[in-house]
Amino acid sequence: MSRIFAYCRVSTNEQTTANQIHAIESAGYKVEEHRIVSETISGGVNAMERPAFSTLVNHKLEAGDTLVVLKLDRLGRDNIDVQQTITMLMEKGISVVSLDLPSRDLASAEGKLILQMFTAFAEFEKNRIKERTKDALRRAKKEGKKLGRPEATSTTNAVQEAKQEGLSQSQTAARLSISLPTVKRHWNKTAA
């Protein structure tokens, strides 16, 4: 017999998952209380890096179970992560139902079509991000902007002061509570 689980997520402690649980039950899904998994964590965190979701997938869900979410964005904001998560769940024999989609069951023929469209859009999104990043880097270089992390002048100054006092590089690292490689990077720079 198939068991039904619900995954509800909010991003901040000021929010509650009560409305999500109510909407899932109103849609006709009777989920036993111990099978409702609620979590307060950003949707920007990959699904399998979320403690409650990871525990749900690795220790509770079994083949034949159904996982219900109110909206796909409860699984995550990143199209690629959402698509990979759904694919992983389906490969484990777990049905995924999202109440915000025209075809709620993503294992159905319509659901698989929706998943394929998400995959195509995710790939498109990933390629567009790469293109925009490359364009921005080229433009910044052309404008003469220095790329990379800004120089830590305060660190350089502190290292140079310690050097002037006659401290060794190891002593400087200990005094400033920084790593020896950081001291070495700033050892021969000119203080600002």
C-alpha atoms as a PDB file:
ATOM      1  CA  MET A   1       0.000   0.000   0.000  1.00  0.00           C
ATOM      2  CA  SER A   2       1.316   3.394  -0.998  1.00  0.00           C
ATOM      3  CA  ARG A   3       2.102   5.833   1.768  1.00  0.00           C
ATOM      4  CA  ILE A   4       1.701   9.576   1.281  1.00  0.00           C
ATOM      5  CA  PHE A   5       4.237  12.066   2.604  1.00  0.00           C
ATOM      6  CA  ALA A   6       4.103  15.847   2.446  1.00  0.00           C
ATOM      7  CA  TYR A   7       7.095  18.143   2.323  1.00  0.00           C
ATOM      8  CA  CYS A   8       6.480  21.742   3.357  1.00  0.00           C
ATOM      9  CA  ARG A   9       9.146  24.425   3.411  1.00  0.00           C
ATOM     10  CA  VAL A  10       9.324  28.067   4.433  1.00  0.00           C
ATOM     11  CA  SER A  11      12.324  30.358   4.239  1.00  0.00           C
ATOM     12  CA  THR A  12      12.127  32.253   7.546  1.00  0.00           C
ATOM     13  CA  ASN A  13      11.047  31.664  11.135  1.00  0.00           C
ATOM     14  CA  GLU A  14       8.349  34.329  10.727  1.00  0.00           C
ATOM     15  CA  GLN A  15       6.572  32.047   8.226  1.00  0.00           C
ATOM     16  CA  THR A  16       4.603  28.881   8.890  1.00  0.00           C
ATOM     17  CA  THR A  17       3.895  25.745   6.882  1.00  0.00           C
ATOM     18  CA  ALA A  18       0.304  25.546   8.159  1.00  0.00           C
ATOM     19  CA  ASN A  19      -1.175  26.941   4.925  1.00  0.00           C
ATOM     20  CA  GLN A  20       0.776  24.434   2.831  1.00  0.00           C
ATOM     21  CA  ILE A  21      -0.433  21.534   4.972  1.00  0.00           C
ATOM     22  CA  HIS A  22      -4.021  22.798   4.792  1.00  0.00           C
ATOM     23  CA  ALA A  23      -3.849  23.176   0.974  1.00  0.00           C
ATOM     24  CA  ILE A  24      -2.459  19.650   0.558  1.00  0.00           C
ATOM     25  CA  GLU A  25      -5.236  18.207   2.720  1.00  0.00           C
ATOM     26  CA  SER A  26      -7.862  20.324   0.916  1.00  0.00           C
ATOM     27  CA  ALA A  27      -6.646  18.850  -2.378  1.00  0.00           C
ATOM     28  CA  GLY A  28      -7.692  15.427  -1.061  1.00  0.00           C
ATOM     29  CA  TYR A  29      -4.395  14.072   0.234  1.00  0.00           C
ATOM     30  CA  LYS A  30      -4.771  12.507   3.659  1.00  0.00           C
ATOM     31  CA  VAL A  31      -1.301  12.662   5.154  1.00  0.00           C
ATOM     32  CA  GLU A  32      -0.701  11.196   8.593  1.00  0.00           C
ATOM     33  CA  GLU A  33       0.871  13.761  10.905  1.00  0.00           C
ATOM     34  CA  HIS A  34       4.142  11.824  11.305  1.00  0.00           C
ATOM     35  CA  ARG A  35       4.511  11.830   7.501  1.00  0.00           C
ATOM     36  CA  ILE A  36       4.384  15.618   7.212  1.00  0.00           C
ATOM     37  CA  VAL A  37       7.915  16.992   7.030  1.00  0.00           C
ATOM     38  CA  SER A  38       8.246  20.731   7.598  1.00  0.00           C
ATOM     39  CA  GLU A  39      11.432  22.712   7.310  1.00  0.00           C
ATOM     40  CA  THR A  40      12.560  26.321   7.677  1.00  0.00           C
ATOM     41  CA  ILE A  41      15.381  26.859   5.203  1.00  0.00           C
ATOM     42  CA  SER A  42      16.054  28.916   2.099  1.00  0.00           C
ATOM     43  CA  GLY A  43      14.927  27.506  -1.224  1.00  0.00           C
ATOM     44  CA  GLY A  44      18.367  28.469  -2.487  1.00  0.00           C
ATOM     45  CA  VAL A  45      19.865  25.569  -0.517  1.00  0.00           C
ATOM     46  CA  ASN A  46      20.006  22.465  -2.707  1.00  0.00           C
ATOM     47  CA  ALA A  47      17.312  19.972  -1.760  1.00  0.00           C
ATOM     48  CA  MET A  48      19.610  17.158  -0.607  1.00  0.00           C
ATOM     49  CA  GLU A  49      21.628  19.616   1.516  1.00  0.00           C
ATOM     50  CA  ARG A  50      18.546  20.431   3.607  1.00  0.00           C
ATOM     51  CA  PRO A  51      18.560  18.346   6.801  1.00  0.00           C
ATOM     52  CA  ALA A  52      14.845  17.499   6.983  1.00  0.00           C
ATOM     53  CA  PHE A  53      14.470  16.814   3.260  1.00  0.00           C
ATOM     54  CA  SER A  54      17.607  14.676   3.173  1.00  0.00           C
ATOM     55  CA  THR A  55      16.365  12.641   6.153  1.00  0.00           C
ATOM     56  CA  LEU A  56      12.991  12.223   4.464  1.00  0.00           C
ATOM     57  CA  VAL A  57      14.557  10.902   1.258  1.00  0.00           C
ATOM     58  CA  ASN A  58      17.259   8.740   2.846  1.00  0.00           C
ATOM     59  CA  HIS A  59      15.397   7.288   5.830  1.00  0.00           C
ATOM     60  CA  LYS A  60      11.633   7.519   5.365  1.00  0.00           C
ATOM     61  CA  LEU A  61      10.549   7.357   1.727  1.00  0.00           C
ATOM     62  CA  GLU A  62      10.434   3.964   0.051  1.00  0.00           C
ATOM     63  CA  ALA A  63       9.598   2.742  -3.435  1.00  0.00           C
ATOM     64  CA  GLY A  64       5.847   3.034  -4.003  1.00  0.00           C
ATOM     65  CA  ASP A  65       5.461   6.078  -1.719  1.00  0.00           C
ATOM     66  CA  THR A  66       4.101   9.421  -2.891  1.00  0.00           C
ATOM     67  CA  LEU A  67       5.644  12.772  -2.002  1.00  0.00           C
ATOM     68  CA  VAL A  68       3.270  15.745  -2.220  1.00  0.00           C
ATOM     69  CA  VAL A  69       4.373  19.392  -2.330  1.00  0.00           C
ATOM     70  CA  LEU A  70       2.165  22.443  -2.680  1.00  0.00           C
ATOM     71  CA  LYS A  71       4.405  23.991  -5.340  1.00  0.00           C
ATOM     72  CA  LEU A  72       7.571  22.934  -7.130  1.00  0.00           C
ATOM     73  CA  ASP A  73       9.373  25.915  -5.609  1.00  0.00           C
ATOM     74  CA  ARG A  74       9.074  24.176  -2.222  1.00  0.00           C
ATOM     75  CA  LEU A  75      11.675  21.748  -3.562  1.00  0.00           C
ATOM     76  CA  GLY A  76      13.942  24.637  -4.537  1.00  0.00           C
ATOM     77  CA  ARG A  77      14.426  27.810  -6.553  1.00  0.00           C
ATOM     78  CA  ASP A  78      17.070  26.408  -8.875  1.00  0.00           C
ATOM     79  CA  ASN A  79      15.456  24.679 -11.877  1.00  0.00           C
ATOM     80  CA  ILE A  80      18.410  22.353 -12.264  1.00  0.00           C
ATOM     81  CA  ASP A  81      18.336  21.193  -8.623  1.00  0.00           C
ATOM     82  CA  VAL A  82      14.543  20.733  -8.700  1.00  0.00           C
ATOM     83  CA  GLN A  83      14.758  18.677 -11.882  1.00  0.00           C
ATOM     84  CA  GLN A  84      17.612  16.522 -10.504  1.00  0.00           C
ATOM     85  CA  THR A  85      15.719  16.002  -7.237  1.00  0.00           C
ATOM     86  CA  ILE A  86      12.546  14.897  -9.003  1.00  0.00           C
ATOM     87  CA  THR A  87      14.495  12.559 -11.292  1.00  0.00           C
ATOM     88  CA  MET A  88      16.308  11.043  -8.295  1.00  0.00           C
ATOM     89  CA  LEU A  89      13.013  10.482  -6.444  1.00  0.00           C
ATOM     90  CA  MET A  90      11.387   8.889  -9.488  1.00  0.00           C
ATOM     91  CA  GLU A  91      14.397   6.596  -9.976  1.00  0.00           C
ATOM     92  CA  LYS A  92      13.841   5.415  -6.387  1.00  0.00           C
ATOM     93  CA  GLY A  93      10.237   4.554  -7.295  1.00  0.00           C
ATOM     94  CA  ILE A  94       8.749   7.521  -5.441  1.00  0.00           C
ATOM     95  CA  SER A  95       5.884   9.404  -7.094  1.00  0.00           C
ATOM     96  CA  VAL A  96       6.153  13.174  -6.912  1.00  0.00           C
ATOM     97  CA  VAL A  97       2.995  15.273  -6.867  1.00  0.00           C
ATOM     98  CA  SER A  98       3.081  19.050  -7.157  1.00  0.00           C
ATOM     99  CA  LEU A  99      -0.294  20.715  -6.707  1.00  0.00           C
ATOM    100  CA  ASP A 100       0.644  23.773  -8.802  1.00  0.00           C
ATOM    101  CA  LEU A 101       1.108  21.841 -12.053  1.00  0.00           C
ATOM    102  CA  PRO A 102      -1.559  20.924 -14.623  1.00  0.00           C
ATOM    103  CA  SER A 103      -0.474  17.291 -14.304  1.00  0.00           C
ATOM    104  CA  ARG A 104       0.098  16.736 -10.617  1.00  0.00           C
ATOM    105  CA  ASP A 105       1.740  13.312 -10.961  1.00  0.00           C
ATOM    106  CA  LEU A 106       5.174  13.809 -12.484  1.00  0.00           C
ATOM    107  CA  ALA A 107       5.475  10.062 -13.166  1.00  0.00           C
ATOM    108  CA  SER A 108       2.528  10.188 -15.598  1.00  0.00           C
ATOM    109  CA  ALA A 109       3.047  10.767 -19.343  1.00  0.00           C
ATOM    110  CA  GLU A 110       2.007  14.420 -18.951  1.00  0.00           C
ATOM    111  CA  GLY A 111       4.184  14.774 -15.870  1.00  0.00           C
ATOM    112  CA  LYS A 112       7.185  13.365 -17.729  1.00  0.00           C
ATOM    113  CA  LEU A 113       6.575  15.881 -20.522  1.00  0.00           C
ATOM    114  CA  ILE A 114       6.547  18.706 -17.961  1.00  0.00           C
ATOM    115  CA  LEU A 115       9.763  17.340 -16.452  1.00  0.00           C
ATOM    116  CA  GLN A 116      11.402  17.223 -19.899  1.00  0.00           C
ATOM    117  CA  MET A 117      10.367  20.840 -20.488  1.00  0.00           C
ATOM    118  CA  PHE A 118      11.883  21.784 -17.115  1.00  0.00           C
ATOM    119  CA  THR A 119      15.074  20.000 -18.116  1.00  0.00           C
ATOM    120  CA  ALA A 120      15.244  21.945 -21.375  1.00  0.00           C
ATOM    121  CA  PHE A 121      14.579  25.242 -19.597  1.00  0.00           C
ATOM    122  CA  ALA A 122      17.140  24.396 -16.904  1.00  0.00           C
ATOM    123  CA  GLU A 123      19.792  23.721 -19.544  1.00  0.00           C
ATOM    124  CA  PHE A 124      18.859  26.955 -21.330  1.00  0.00           C
ATOM    125  CA  GLU A 125      19.041  28.881 -18.033  1.00  0.00           C
ATOM    126  CA  LYS A 126      22.460  27.404 -17.211  1.00  0.00           C
ATOM    127  CA  ASN A 127      23.837  28.347 -20.649  1.00  0.00           C
ATOM    128  CA  ARG A 128      22.447  31.887 -20.451  1.00  0.00           C
ATOM    129  CA  ILE A 129      24.093  32.403 -17.041  1.00  0.00           C
ATOM    130  CA  LYS A 130      27.442  31.270 -18.517  1.00  0.00           C
ATOM    131  CA  GLU A 131      27.029  33.633 -21.470  1.00  0.00           C
ATOM    132  CA  ARG A 132      26.126  36.614 -19.280  1.00  0.00           C
ATOM    133  CA  THR A 133      29.055  35.916 -16.964  1.00  0.00           C
ATOM    134  CA  LYS A 134      31.520  35.734 -19.860  1.00  0.00           C
ATOM    135  CA  ASP A 135      30.082  38.941 -21.373  1.00  0.00           C
ATOM    136  CA  ALA A 136      30.361  40.769 -18.062  1.00  0.00           C
ATOM    137  CA  LEU A 137      33.964  39.638 -17.540  1.00  0.00           C
ATOM    138  CA  ARG A 138      34.953  40.711 -21.069  1.00  0.00           C
ATOM    139  CA  ARG A 139      33.302  44.113 -20.586  1.00  0.00           C
ATOM    140  CA  ALA A 140      34.998  44.627 -17.205  1.00  0.00           C
ATOM    141  CA  LYS A 141      38.402  43.710 -18.660  1.00  0.00           C
ATOM    142  CA  LYS A 142      37.864  46.038 -21.609  1.00  0.00           C
ATOM    143  CA  GLU A 143      37.029  48.866 -19.176  1.00  0.00           C
ATOM    144  CA  GLY A 144      40.310  48.207 -17.361  1.00  0.00           C
ATOM    145  CA  LYS A 145      38.696  46.945 -14.167  1.00  0.00           C
ATOM    146  CA  LYS A 146      40.752  44.666 -11.995  1.00  0.00           C
ATOM    147  CA  LEU A 147      39.107  41.271 -11.663  1.00  0.00           C
ATOM    148  CA  GLY A 148      39.235  38.986  -8.667  1.00  0.00           C
ATOM    149  CA  ARG A 149      39.251  39.654  -4.963  1.00  0.00           C
ATOM    150  CA  PRO A 150      40.243  43.133  -3.865  1.00  0.00           C
ATOM    151  CA  GLU A 151      43.623  43.511  -2.203  1.00  0.00           C
ATOM    152  CA  ALA A 152      43.484  43.329   1.565  1.00  0.00           C
ATOM    153  CA  THR A 153      45.456  46.502   2.309  1.00  0.00           C
ATOM    154  CA  SER A 154      44.735  46.314   6.014  1.00  0.00           C
ATOM    155  CA  THR A 155      46.312  42.842   6.114  1.00  0.00           C
ATOM    156  CA  THR A 156      49.293  44.077   4.106  1.00  0.00           C
ATOM    157  CA  ASN A 157      49.718  46.990   6.520  1.00  0.00           C
ATOM    158  CA  ALA A 158      49.512  44.734   9.578  1.00  0.00           C
ATOM    159  CA  VAL A 159      52.016  42.246   8.121  1.00  0.00           C
ATOM    160  CA  GLN A 160      54.419  45.048   7.169  1.00  0.00           C
ATOM    161  CA  GLU A 161      54.214  46.547  10.677  1.00  0.00           C
ATOM    162  CA  ALA A 162      55.037  43.178  12.229  1.00  0.00           C
ATOM    163  CA  LYS A 163      57.906  42.754   9.784  1.00  0.00           C
ATOM    164  CA  GLN A 164      59.266  46.210  10.757  1.00  0.00           C
ATOM    165  CA  GLU A 165      59.158  45.148  14.406  1.00  0.00           C
ATOM    166  CA  GLY A 166      61.432  42.235  13.508  1.00  0.00           C
ATOM    167  CA  LEU A 167      58.885  39.432  13.890  1.00  0.00           C
ATOM    168  CA  SER A 168      59.309  36.312  11.800  1.00  0.00           C
ATOM    169  CA  GLN A 169      56.613  35.207   9.373  1.00  0.00           C
ATOM    170  CA  SER A 170      55.445  32.514  11.822  1.00  0.00           C
ATOM    171  CA  GLN A 171      55.317  34.994  14.696  1.00  0.00           C
ATOM    172  CA  THR A 172      53.394  37.435  12.498  1.00  0.00           C
ATOM    173  CA  ALA A 173      50.840  34.750  11.588  1.00  0.00           C
ATOM    174  CA  ALA A 174      50.359  33.910  15.281  1.00  0.00           C
ATOM    175  CA  ARG A 175      50.047  37.540  16.340  1.00  0.00           C
ATOM    176  CA  LEU A 176      47.549  38.442  13.601  1.00  0.00           C
ATOM    177  CA  SER A 177      45.659  35.119  13.792  1.00  0.00           C
ATOM    178  CA  ILE A 178      46.074  34.508  10.065  1.00  0.00           C
ATOM    179  CA  SER A 179      47.607  31.651   8.129  1.00  0.00           C
ATOM    180  CA  LEU A 180      51.290  31.488   7.236  1.00  0.00           C
ATOM    181  CA  PRO A 181      50.500  31.459   3.480  1.00  0.00           C
ATOM    182  CA  THR A 182      48.561  34.721   3.957  1.00  0.00           C
ATOM    183  CA  VAL A 183      51.549  36.280   5.732  1.00  0.00           C
ATOM    184  CA  LYS A 184      53.848  35.148   2.907  1.00  0.00           C
ATOM    185  CA  ARG A 185      51.533  36.713   0.302  1.00  0.00           C
ATOM    186  CA  HIS A 186      51.719  40.079   2.059  1.00  0.00           C
ATOM    187  CA  TRP A 187      55.351  39.878   3.281  1.00  0.00           C
ATOM    188  CA  ASN A 188      56.995  41.700   0.383  1.00  0.00           C
ATOM    189  CA  LYS A 189      54.128  43.984  -0.612  1.00  0.00           C
ATOM    190  CA  THR A 190      54.295  47.699  -0.024  1.00  0.00           C
ATOM    191  CA  ALA A 191      52.051  48.931   2.769  1.00  0.00           C
ATOM    192  CA  ALA A 192      49.351  51.407   1.724  1.00  0.00           C
END
